[in-house]
Amino acid sequence: MRHCPRRPLDRATREFLRDQQLVVNAGDDVEATWKRARHMPAFRPVLQNLQAMAGPTERCMYCGDSRGVTVEHCYPKRKSPTEYPRRAFWWRNLLLACDDCQRRKGSRFPMDARHRPLLIDPTRENPWDHLVFVPETCELAARYDGAGQPSPKGQTTTDPHLLRLNDQAICEQRGRAWRRIRRAVQDTLRRLGEDETPDVLQRDLVEQLRDADFDGLLEWCLARDG
């Protein structure tokens, strides 16, 4: 799971989403309205912007493994309380997800005692504020604070019944990325004593690290605990 900062929409697309939301607010069925709008040409910029936010390989914003193929609602569009359908066409409530993560999450949306979301929204916050990478298992786990308490968002987001962040296949990919990143750094350190300029070493290292990265792991390695 990586941070995917939200891009702004053009005016026409914002107005299209607003008009569709007004239809839902007026009492039309949210599922029928969403299905109809999803196939309109005016909806295409929504998907295109989400794909751009997800990166060049358009990975799922939750698991980072499978390709994102569906527009997901962070706040489910069909759920009590009744204000959830009123977020169905909110741009800031839309994510790009794979079918597996969307099915697993379904209409579940855990909240804390103060009615704040417990699921990390990768477009609004950096997942590494709540998660850590565990090299021994290649899993993601909840980050602990200075008082020794685990992040509630980290715990909820890594729940295997909610999302597939720690499925075996994903952990294996994460492990391969971890090993490639380590090898790239070790190779650069080995080459320091050879007759190569710093510019060449830096260029090669950056290229190797970018090629090795998976699921935002490079940020954890270089800017966080790693």
Protein backbone atom coordinates (compact mmCIF):
# COMPACT_ATOMS: atom_id res chain seq x y z
CA MET A 1 0.00 0.00 0.00
CA ARG A 2 1.51 3.29 -1.10
CA HIS A 3 0.52 6.93 -0.78
CA CYS A 4 -1.45 8.04 -3.88
CA PRO A 5 -2.04 11.80 -3.60
CA ARG A 6 -5.32 12.84 -5.12
CA ARG A 7 -5.27 14.75 -8.40
CA PRO A 8 -7.70 17.59 -9.13
CA LEU A 9 -10.53 17.02 -11.60
CA ASP A 10 -11.43 19.38 -14.39
CA ARG A 11 -14.53 21.53 -13.96
CA ALA A 12 -16.74 19.51 -16.33
CA THR A 13 -16.02 16.26 -14.47
CA ARG A 14 -16.62 17.87 -11.08
CA GLU A 15 -19.97 19.15 -12.30
CA PHE A 16 -20.88 15.75 -13.70
CA LEU A 17 -20.20 14.07 -10.35
CA ARG A 18 -22.11 16.79 -8.53
CA ASP A 19 -25.15 16.35 -10.78
CA GLN A 20 -25.14 12.57 -10.27
CA GLN A 21 -24.90 13.03 -6.52
CA LEU A 22 -27.89 15.37 -6.59
CA VAL A 23 -29.88 12.62 -8.34
CA VAL A 24 -29.05 10.21 -5.51
CA ASN A 25 -29.78 12.81 -2.85
CA ALA A 26 -33.19 13.36 -4.45
CA GLY A 27 -34.09 9.73 -3.78
CA ASP A 28 -32.99 7.73 -6.83
CA ASP A 29 -31.48 4.31 -6.20
CA VAL A 30 -27.76 4.73 -5.62
CA GLU A 31 -26.78 1.44 -7.30
CA ALA A 32 -28.79 2.13 -10.44
CA THR A 33 -27.53 5.69 -10.64
CA TRP A 34 -23.92 4.58 -10.17
CA LYS A 35 -24.19 1.83 -12.78
CA ARG A 36 -25.69 4.23 -15.30
CA ALA A 37 -23.14 6.98 -14.66
CA ARG A 38 -20.22 4.54 -14.71
CA HIS A 39 -20.80 3.89 -18.42
CA MET A 40 -21.19 7.51 -19.47
CA PRO A 41 -18.34 9.20 -21.41
CA ALA A 42 -18.30 11.98 -18.80
CA PHE A 43 -17.13 9.43 -16.21
CA ARG A 44 -13.95 8.51 -18.10
CA PRO A 45 -11.80 11.31 -16.59
CA VAL A 46 -12.60 9.92 -13.14
CA LEU A 47 -11.11 6.54 -14.00
CA GLN A 48 -8.21 8.10 -15.89
CA ASN A 49 -7.28 10.28 -12.92
CA LEU A 50 -7.43 7.33 -10.53
CA GLN A 51 -5.23 5.30 -12.85
CA ALA A 52 -2.71 8.15 -13.00
CA MET A 53 -2.73 8.41 -9.20
CA ALA A 54 -2.04 4.66 -8.92
CA GLY A 55 1.15 4.92 -10.98
CA PRO A 56 2.32 3.68 -14.38
CA THR A 57 1.28 0.08 -13.70
CA GLU A 58 -2.14 1.11 -12.32
CA ARG A 59 -1.98 -1.16 -9.30
CA CYS A 60 -4.78 -1.57 -6.77
CA MET A 61 -4.55 1.21 -4.17
CA TYR A 62 -5.14 -1.30 -1.40
CA CYS A 63 -3.00 -4.39 -2.03
CA GLY A 64 -0.65 -2.94 -4.67
CA ASP A 65 -0.53 -6.36 -6.33
CA SER A 66 -3.29 -6.83 -8.87
CA ARG A 67 -4.15 -4.26 -11.48
CA GLY A 68 -6.80 -1.79 -10.40
CA VAL A 69 -9.81 -2.44 -12.60
CA THR A 70 -12.74 -1.02 -10.65
CA VAL A 71 -13.69 2.24 -8.98
CA GLU A 72 -14.02 1.57 -5.27
CA HIS A 73 -15.87 3.62 -2.64
CA CYS A 74 -13.91 4.16 0.54
CA TYR A 75 -17.18 4.95 2.34
CA PRO A 76 -19.47 2.26 0.87
CA LYS A 77 -22.22 3.64 -1.32
CA ARG A 78 -24.74 1.24 0.19
CA LYS A 79 -24.55 1.15 3.95
CA SER A 80 -26.20 2.53 7.05
CA PRO A 81 -25.99 5.29 8.21
CA THR A 82 -27.87 6.98 5.45
CA GLU A 83 -25.18 9.60 4.74
CA TYR A 84 -22.98 7.00 3.04
CA PRO A 85 -24.99 7.07 -0.23
CA ARG A 86 -24.53 10.85 -0.13
CA ARG A 87 -20.82 10.24 -0.69
CA ALA A 88 -21.30 7.95 -3.70
CA PHE A 89 -20.10 10.54 -6.23
CA TRP A 90 -17.68 12.47 -4.04
CA TRP A 91 -14.34 12.57 -5.80
CA ARG A 92 -12.44 12.27 -2.52
CA ASN A 93 -14.32 9.05 -1.74
CA LEU A 94 -13.30 7.19 -4.90
CA LEU A 95 -10.32 4.82 -5.15
CA LEU A 96 -8.93 2.37 -7.70
CA ALA A 97 -9.06 -1.25 -6.56
CA CYS A 98 -8.75 -4.80 -7.82
CA ASP A 99 -11.78 -7.09 -7.83
CA ASP A 100 -10.41 -9.21 -4.98
CA CYS A 101 -9.95 -6.31 -2.57
CA GLN A 102 -13.31 -4.81 -3.48
CA ARG A 103 -15.10 -8.11 -2.87
CA ARG A 104 -13.29 -8.72 0.41
CA LYS A 105 -14.03 -5.25 1.74
CA GLY A 106 -17.59 -5.24 0.43
CA SER A 107 -19.78 -2.84 2.39
CA ARG A 108 -17.72 -3.13 5.57
CA PHE A 109 -16.24 0.09 6.87
CA PRO A 110 -14.95 -0.12 10.46
CA MET A 111 -15.16 3.01 12.60
CA ASP A 112 -13.71 3.84 16.00
CA ALA A 113 -15.69 4.99 19.04
CA ARG A 114 -15.64 8.58 17.74
CA HIS A 115 -17.00 7.49 14.34
CA ARG A 116 -13.71 8.00 12.54
CA PRO A 117 -12.68 5.58 9.75
CA LEU A 118 -10.28 2.82 10.76
CA LEU A 119 -9.35 1.89 7.19
CA ILE A 120 -6.34 3.71 5.73
CA ASP A 121 -7.26 5.92 2.78
CA PRO A 122 -4.05 5.95 0.67
CA THR A 123 -5.13 9.12 -1.13
CA ARG A 124 -5.51 11.15 2.07
CA GLU A 125 -2.72 9.79 4.29
CA ASN A 126 0.61 8.05 4.01
CA PRO A 127 0.12 4.36 4.86
CA TRP A 128 3.59 4.21 6.43
CA ASP A 129 2.31 6.47 9.20
CA HIS A 130 0.31 3.45 10.35
CA LEU A 131 2.20 0.45 8.94
CA VAL A 132 5.64 -1.14 9.11
CA PHE A 133 7.31 -3.78 6.95
CA VAL A 134 8.40 -6.97 8.72
CA PRO A 135 11.45 -8.34 6.81
CA GLU A 136 11.28 -11.75 8.50
CA THR A 137 7.81 -12.50 7.10
CA CYS A 138 7.54 -9.79 4.40
CA GLU A 139 4.17 -8.82 5.87
CA LEU A 140 2.82 -5.40 6.72
CA ALA A 141 1.95 -4.87 10.38
CA ALA A 142 0.53 -2.10 12.53
CA ARG A 143 3.02 0.57 13.57
CA TYR A 144 3.48 1.04 17.33
CA ASP A 145 3.63 4.48 18.92
CA GLY A 146 5.98 5.70 21.63
CA ALA A 147 3.68 4.33 24.33
CA GLY A 148 3.77 0.84 22.84
CA GLN A 149 0.27 0.98 21.39
CA PRO A 150 -0.44 -0.34 17.88
CA SER A 151 -2.02 1.94 15.30
CA PRO A 152 -5.75 1.12 15.13
CA LYS A 153 -5.72 1.98 11.43
CA GLY A 154 -2.73 -0.27 10.90
CA GLN A 155 -4.44 -3.15 12.67
CA THR A 156 -7.67 -2.74 10.76
CA THR A 157 -6.10 -2.31 7.33
CA THR A 158 -3.98 -5.48 7.71
CA ASP A 159 -6.98 -7.57 8.79
CA PRO A 160 -6.99 -10.46 6.26
CA HIS A 161 -10.79 -10.55 6.35
CA LEU A 162 -10.95 -6.96 5.11
CA LEU A 163 -8.12 -6.60 2.56
CA ARG A 164 -5.49 -8.86 1.01
CA LEU A 165 -2.34 -6.93 1.96
CA ASN A 166 -0.71 -9.98 3.53
CA ASP A 167 -1.82 -12.76 1.23
CA GLN A 168 1.03 -15.21 0.59
CA ALA A 169 1.51 -14.22 -3.06
CA ILE A 170 1.74 -10.54 -2.15
CA CYS A 171 4.23 -11.22 0.65
CA GLU A 172 6.38 -13.17 -1.79
CA GLN A 173 6.43 -10.21 -4.19
CA ARG A 174 7.23 -7.86 -1.33
CA GLY A 175 10.06 -10.17 -0.26
CA ARG A 176 11.55 -10.21 -3.75
CA ALA A 177 11.44 -6.42 -3.83
CA TRP A 178 13.14 -6.24 -0.42
CA ARG A 179 15.95 -8.51 -1.59
CA ARG A 180 16.42 -6.56 -4.85
CA ILE A 181 16.64 -3.28 -2.96
CA ARG A 182 19.25 -4.70 -0.59
CA ARG A 183 21.29 -6.12 -3.46
CA ALA A 184 21.22 -2.78 -5.27
CA VAL A 185 22.59 -0.96 -2.23
CA GLN A 186 25.20 -3.66 -1.56
CA ASP A 187 26.31 -3.56 -5.19
CA THR A 188 26.75 0.21 -5.02
CA LEU A 189 28.79 -0.04 -1.83
CA ARG A 190 31.00 -2.67 -3.47
CA ARG A 191 31.59 -0.43 -6.50
CA LEU A 192 32.64 2.54 -4.39
CA GLY A 193 36.23 1.35 -4.43
CA GLU A 194 36.32 0.96 -8.20
CA ASP A 195 37.11 3.56 -10.83
CA GLU A 196 33.56 4.78 -11.34
CA THR A 197 32.35 8.34 -10.94
CA PRO A 198 29.76 9.20 -8.25
CA ASP A 199 27.34 10.33 -10.95
CA VAL A 200 27.40 6.91 -12.59
CA LEU A 201 26.96 5.14 -9.27
CA GLN A 202 24.06 7.35 -8.31
CA ARG A 203 22.33 6.96 -11.68
CA ASP A 204 22.66 3.18 -11.60
CA LEU A 205 21.50 2.94 -7.99
CA VAL A 206 18.42 5.09 -8.58
CA GLU A 207 17.51 3.04 -11.64
CA GLN A 208 17.89 -0.26 -9.79
CA LEU A 209 15.89 0.95 -6.82
CA ARG A 210 13.03 2.19 -8.98
CA ASP A 211 12.91 -1.10 -10.85
CA ALA A 212 12.95 -3.06 -7.58
CA ASP A 213 10.23 -1.17 -5.74
CA PHE A 214 6.92 -2.84 -4.96
CA ASP A 215 4.01 -1.55 -2.89
CA GLY A 216 5.88 1.59 -1.82
CA LEU A 217 8.50 -0.48 0.00
CA LEU A 218 11.30 1.80 -1.17
CA GLU A 219 9.94 4.64 0.97
CA TRP A 220 9.99 2.41 4.05
CA CYS A 221 13.58 1.38 3.26
CA LEU A 222 15.02 4.83 2.64
CA ALA A 223 12.78 7.31 4.44
CA ARG A 224 11.28 5.28 7.28
CA ASP A 225 12.41 2.42 9.52
CA GLY A 226 14.46 0.60 6.90
